[in-house]
Amino acid sequence: MLEQNHVDILVSLPPSALKIYRIIESKKKVRICEIEKNTSYSLRTIRNALRILRNTNLITRIPNIHDMRRLYYAPKRI
């Protein structure tokens, strides 16, 4: 079960960040291009939502060892 603090954070998120968080949570590890394919959001909206999710400690960035220009995003463990 989710902690109350986690639930409060999820409720306060904008709709775009919540949708992107659900995608990241379901796939466990995604890149921005995968999020863009699964949503109708612009790249600017996606990056803004990712920034919000990182600032609230819901997701983390994982560097791609094969190509350091591309990052993966994964949910943080509670």
N, C-alpha and C. Protein backbone atom coordinates (compact mmCIF):
# COMPACT_ATOMS: atom_id res chain seq x y z
N MET A 1 0.84 -1.19 0.00
CA MET A 1 0.00 0.00 0.00
C MET A 1 0.88 1.25 0.00
N LEU A 2 0.43 2.29 -0.67
CA LEU A 2 1.20 3.52 -0.77
C LEU A 2 1.17 4.30 0.54
N GLU A 3 2.27 4.96 0.82
CA GLU A 3 2.31 5.84 1.99
C GLU A 3 1.41 7.04 1.74
N GLN A 4 0.91 7.64 2.80
CA GLN A 4 0.03 8.79 2.68
C GLN A 4 0.75 9.96 2.01
N ASN A 5 2.02 10.18 2.34
CA ASN A 5 2.79 11.26 1.73
C ASN A 5 2.89 11.07 0.22
N HIS A 6 3.10 9.82 -0.21
CA HIS A 6 3.20 9.49 -1.63
C HIS A 6 1.87 9.79 -2.33
N VAL A 7 0.79 9.44 -1.70
CA VAL A 7 -0.54 9.69 -2.26
C VAL A 7 -0.80 11.19 -2.37
N ASP A 8 -0.41 11.95 -1.34
CA ASP A 8 -0.60 13.41 -1.37
C ASP A 8 0.18 14.04 -2.51
N ILE A 9 1.39 13.55 -2.76
CA ILE A 9 2.19 14.08 -3.86
C ILE A 9 1.53 13.76 -5.19
N LEU A 10 1.06 12.52 -5.36
CA LEU A 10 0.41 12.13 -6.62
C LEU A 10 -0.84 12.95 -6.89
N VAL A 11 -1.60 13.25 -5.86
CA VAL A 11 -2.83 14.03 -6.02
C VAL A 11 -2.52 15.46 -6.45
N SER A 12 -1.38 16.00 -5.99
CA SER A 12 -1.04 17.39 -6.29
C SER A 12 -0.37 17.57 -7.64
N LEU A 13 -0.06 16.49 -8.35
CA LEU A 13 0.62 16.60 -9.64
C LEU A 13 -0.30 17.11 -10.74
N PRO A 14 0.25 17.84 -11.71
CA PRO A 14 -0.55 18.21 -12.88
C PRO A 14 -0.89 16.95 -13.70
N PRO A 15 -1.95 17.00 -14.50
CA PRO A 15 -2.36 15.80 -15.26
C PRO A 15 -1.26 15.23 -16.16
N SER A 16 -0.47 16.07 -16.77
CA SER A 16 0.59 15.57 -17.66
C SER A 16 1.64 14.80 -16.86
N ALA A 17 2.04 15.30 -15.71
CA ALA A 17 3.04 14.62 -14.89
C ALA A 17 2.48 13.31 -14.35
N LEU A 18 1.22 13.29 -14.00
CA LEU A 18 0.61 12.06 -13.48
C LEU A 18 0.56 10.98 -14.57
N LYS A 19 0.18 11.37 -15.79
CA LYS A 19 0.12 10.41 -16.89
C LYS A 19 1.51 9.86 -17.21
N ILE A 20 2.51 10.73 -17.22
CA ILE A 20 3.88 10.30 -17.50
C ILE A 20 4.40 9.42 -16.37
N TYR A 21 4.05 9.74 -15.14
CA TYR A 21 4.46 8.89 -14.01
C TYR A 21 3.86 7.48 -14.15
N ARG A 22 2.62 7.41 -14.55
CA ARG A 22 1.97 6.10 -14.73
C ARG A 22 2.66 5.28 -15.82
N ILE A 23 3.08 5.94 -16.89
CA ILE A 23 3.80 5.25 -17.96
C ILE A 23 5.13 4.73 -17.44
N ILE A 24 5.86 5.58 -16.72
CA ILE A 24 7.16 5.17 -16.18
C ILE A 24 6.99 4.03 -15.19
N GLU A 25 5.98 4.12 -14.36
CA GLU A 25 5.73 3.09 -13.36
C GLU A 25 5.36 1.75 -14.00
N SER A 26 4.61 1.79 -15.09
CA SER A 26 4.19 0.55 -15.73
C SER A 26 5.30 -0.12 -16.52
N LYS A 27 6.19 0.69 -17.11
CA LYS A 27 7.26 0.12 -17.94
C LYS A 27 8.56 -0.08 -17.17
N LYS A 28 8.68 0.49 -16.00
CA LYS A 28 9.83 0.37 -15.11
C LYS A 28 11.06 1.17 -15.54
N LYS A 29 11.28 1.35 -16.85
CA LYS A 29 12.43 2.11 -17.32
C LYS A 29 12.14 2.58 -18.74
N VAL A 30 12.06 3.90 -18.95
CA VAL A 30 11.73 4.42 -20.28
C VAL A 30 12.61 5.61 -20.65
N ARG A 31 12.67 5.87 -21.95
CA ARG A 31 13.36 7.05 -22.45
C ARG A 31 12.31 8.08 -22.88
N ILE A 32 12.76 9.30 -23.09
CA ILE A 32 11.84 10.38 -23.47
C ILE A 32 11.12 10.04 -24.77
N CYS A 33 11.84 9.47 -25.74
CA CYS A 33 11.21 9.16 -27.02
C CYS A 33 10.07 8.15 -26.86
N GLU A 34 10.19 7.22 -25.91
CA GLU A 34 9.12 6.25 -25.65
C GLU A 34 7.90 6.94 -25.04
N ILE A 35 8.15 7.90 -24.15
CA ILE A 35 7.04 8.65 -23.55
C ILE A 35 6.33 9.46 -24.63
N GLU A 36 7.11 10.05 -25.52
CA GLU A 36 6.55 10.86 -26.59
C GLU A 36 5.66 10.03 -27.51
N LYS A 37 6.05 8.78 -27.76
CA LYS A 37 5.26 7.88 -28.61
C LYS A 37 3.95 7.46 -27.94
N ASN A 38 3.97 7.37 -26.60
CA ASN A 38 2.79 6.89 -25.86
C ASN A 38 1.84 7.99 -25.43
N THR A 39 2.23 9.24 -25.64
CA THR A 39 1.37 10.36 -25.27
C THR A 39 1.25 11.31 -26.45
N SER A 40 0.37 12.25 -26.35
CA SER A 40 0.23 13.28 -27.38
C SER A 40 0.89 14.58 -26.92
N TYR A 41 1.75 14.50 -25.91
CA TYR A 41 2.37 15.69 -25.34
C TYR A 41 3.58 16.14 -26.15
N SER A 42 3.82 17.44 -26.12
CA SER A 42 5.01 17.98 -26.76
C SER A 42 6.23 17.65 -25.91
N LEU A 43 7.40 17.77 -26.53
CA LEU A 43 8.64 17.49 -25.83
C LEU A 43 8.83 18.42 -24.64
N ARG A 44 8.41 19.65 -24.79
CA ARG A 44 8.52 20.62 -23.70
C ARG A 44 7.67 20.21 -22.49
N THR A 45 6.46 19.75 -22.76
CA THR A 45 5.57 19.29 -21.69
C THR A 45 6.15 18.06 -20.99
N ILE A 46 6.72 17.15 -21.77
CA ILE A 46 7.31 15.94 -21.20
C ILE A 46 8.48 16.29 -20.31
N ARG A 47 9.36 17.16 -20.78
CA ARG A 47 10.52 17.54 -19.97
C ARG A 47 10.11 18.28 -18.70
N ASN A 48 9.10 19.12 -18.82
CA ASN A 48 8.60 19.82 -17.63
C ASN A 48 8.02 18.83 -16.62
N ALA A 49 7.25 17.87 -17.10
CA ALA A 49 6.67 16.86 -16.21
C ALA A 49 7.77 16.01 -15.56
N LEU A 50 8.80 15.66 -16.33
CA LEU A 50 9.90 14.88 -15.77
C LEU A 50 10.64 15.68 -14.69
N ARG A 51 10.79 16.98 -14.91
CA ARG A 51 11.43 17.83 -13.91
C ARG A 51 10.60 17.85 -12.62
N ILE A 52 9.29 17.98 -12.76
CA ILE A 52 8.40 17.97 -11.60
C ILE A 52 8.51 16.64 -10.85
N LEU A 53 8.51 15.55 -11.59
CA LEU A 53 8.58 14.22 -10.97
C LEU A 53 9.93 13.99 -10.27
N ARG A 54 11.01 14.49 -10.87
CA ARG A 54 12.32 14.37 -10.22
C ARG A 54 12.39 15.22 -8.96
N ASN A 55 11.83 16.44 -9.02
CA ASN A 55 11.85 17.33 -7.85
C ASN A 55 11.02 16.80 -6.69
N THR A 56 10.01 16.01 -6.98
CA THR A 56 9.19 15.41 -5.93
C THR A 56 9.70 14.02 -5.52
N ASN A 57 10.85 13.63 -6.06
CA ASN A 57 11.50 12.35 -5.75
C ASN A 57 10.64 11.13 -6.09
N LEU A 58 9.87 11.23 -7.16
CA LEU A 58 9.08 10.08 -7.60
C LEU A 58 9.82 9.25 -8.64
N ILE A 59 10.72 9.88 -9.38
CA ILE A 59 11.47 9.16 -10.40
C ILE A 59 12.96 9.50 -10.27
N THR A 60 13.76 8.71 -10.94
CA THR A 60 15.20 8.94 -10.97
C THR A 60 15.70 8.79 -12.40
N ARG A 61 16.80 9.46 -12.71
CA ARG A 61 17.45 9.34 -14.01
C ARG A 61 18.48 8.23 -13.95
N ILE A 62 18.52 7.43 -15.00
CA ILE A 62 19.51 6.36 -15.10
C ILE A 62 20.29 6.59 -16.39
N PRO A 63 21.61 6.76 -16.29
CA PRO A 63 22.38 6.96 -17.52
C PRO A 63 22.43 5.70 -18.38
N ASN A 64 22.40 5.90 -19.68
CA ASN A 64 22.52 4.81 -20.64
C ASN A 64 24.02 4.59 -20.88
N ILE A 65 24.55 3.48 -20.50
CA ILE A 65 25.98 3.22 -20.60
C ILE A 65 26.46 3.24 -22.05
N HIS A 66 25.62 2.81 -22.97
CA HIS A 66 26.01 2.74 -24.37
C HIS A 66 25.95 4.09 -25.07
N ASP A 67 25.13 4.99 -24.57
CA ASP A 67 25.00 6.32 -25.17
C ASP A 67 24.64 7.31 -24.06
N MET A 68 25.64 8.02 -23.57
CA MET A 68 25.45 8.89 -22.42
C MET A 68 24.55 10.10 -22.72
N ARG A 69 24.24 10.36 -23.98
CA ARG A 69 23.34 11.46 -24.31
C ARG A 69 21.88 11.10 -24.02
N ARG A 70 21.60 9.84 -23.94
CA ARG A 70 20.23 9.37 -23.73
C ARG A 70 20.08 8.84 -22.31
N LEU A 71 19.05 9.29 -21.67
CA LEU A 71 18.80 8.87 -20.29
C LEU A 71 17.55 8.01 -20.19
N TYR A 72 17.55 7.13 -19.21
CA TYR A 72 16.35 6.38 -18.85
C TYR A 72 15.76 7.01 -17.61
N TYR A 73 14.45 6.89 -17.46
CA TYR A 73 13.76 7.35 -16.26
C TYR A 73 13.06 6.16 -15.65
N ALA A 74 13.19 6.03 -14.34
CA ALA A 74 12.60 4.89 -13.62
C ALA A 74 11.96 5.40 -12.34
N PRO A 75 10.93 4.70 -11.85
CA PRO A 75 10.32 5.11 -10.57
C PRO A 75 11.26 4.82 -9.42
N LYS A 76 11.23 5.67 -8.43
CA LYS A 76 12.02 5.43 -7.21
C LYS A 76 11.25 4.45 -6.33
N ARG A 77 11.99 3.68 -5.60
CA ARG A 77 11.38 2.76 -4.64
C ARG A 77 10.94 3.53 -3.41
N ILE A 78 9.80 3.17 -2.88
CA ILE A 78 9.26 3.85 -1.69
C ILE A 78 9.87 3.23 -0.45
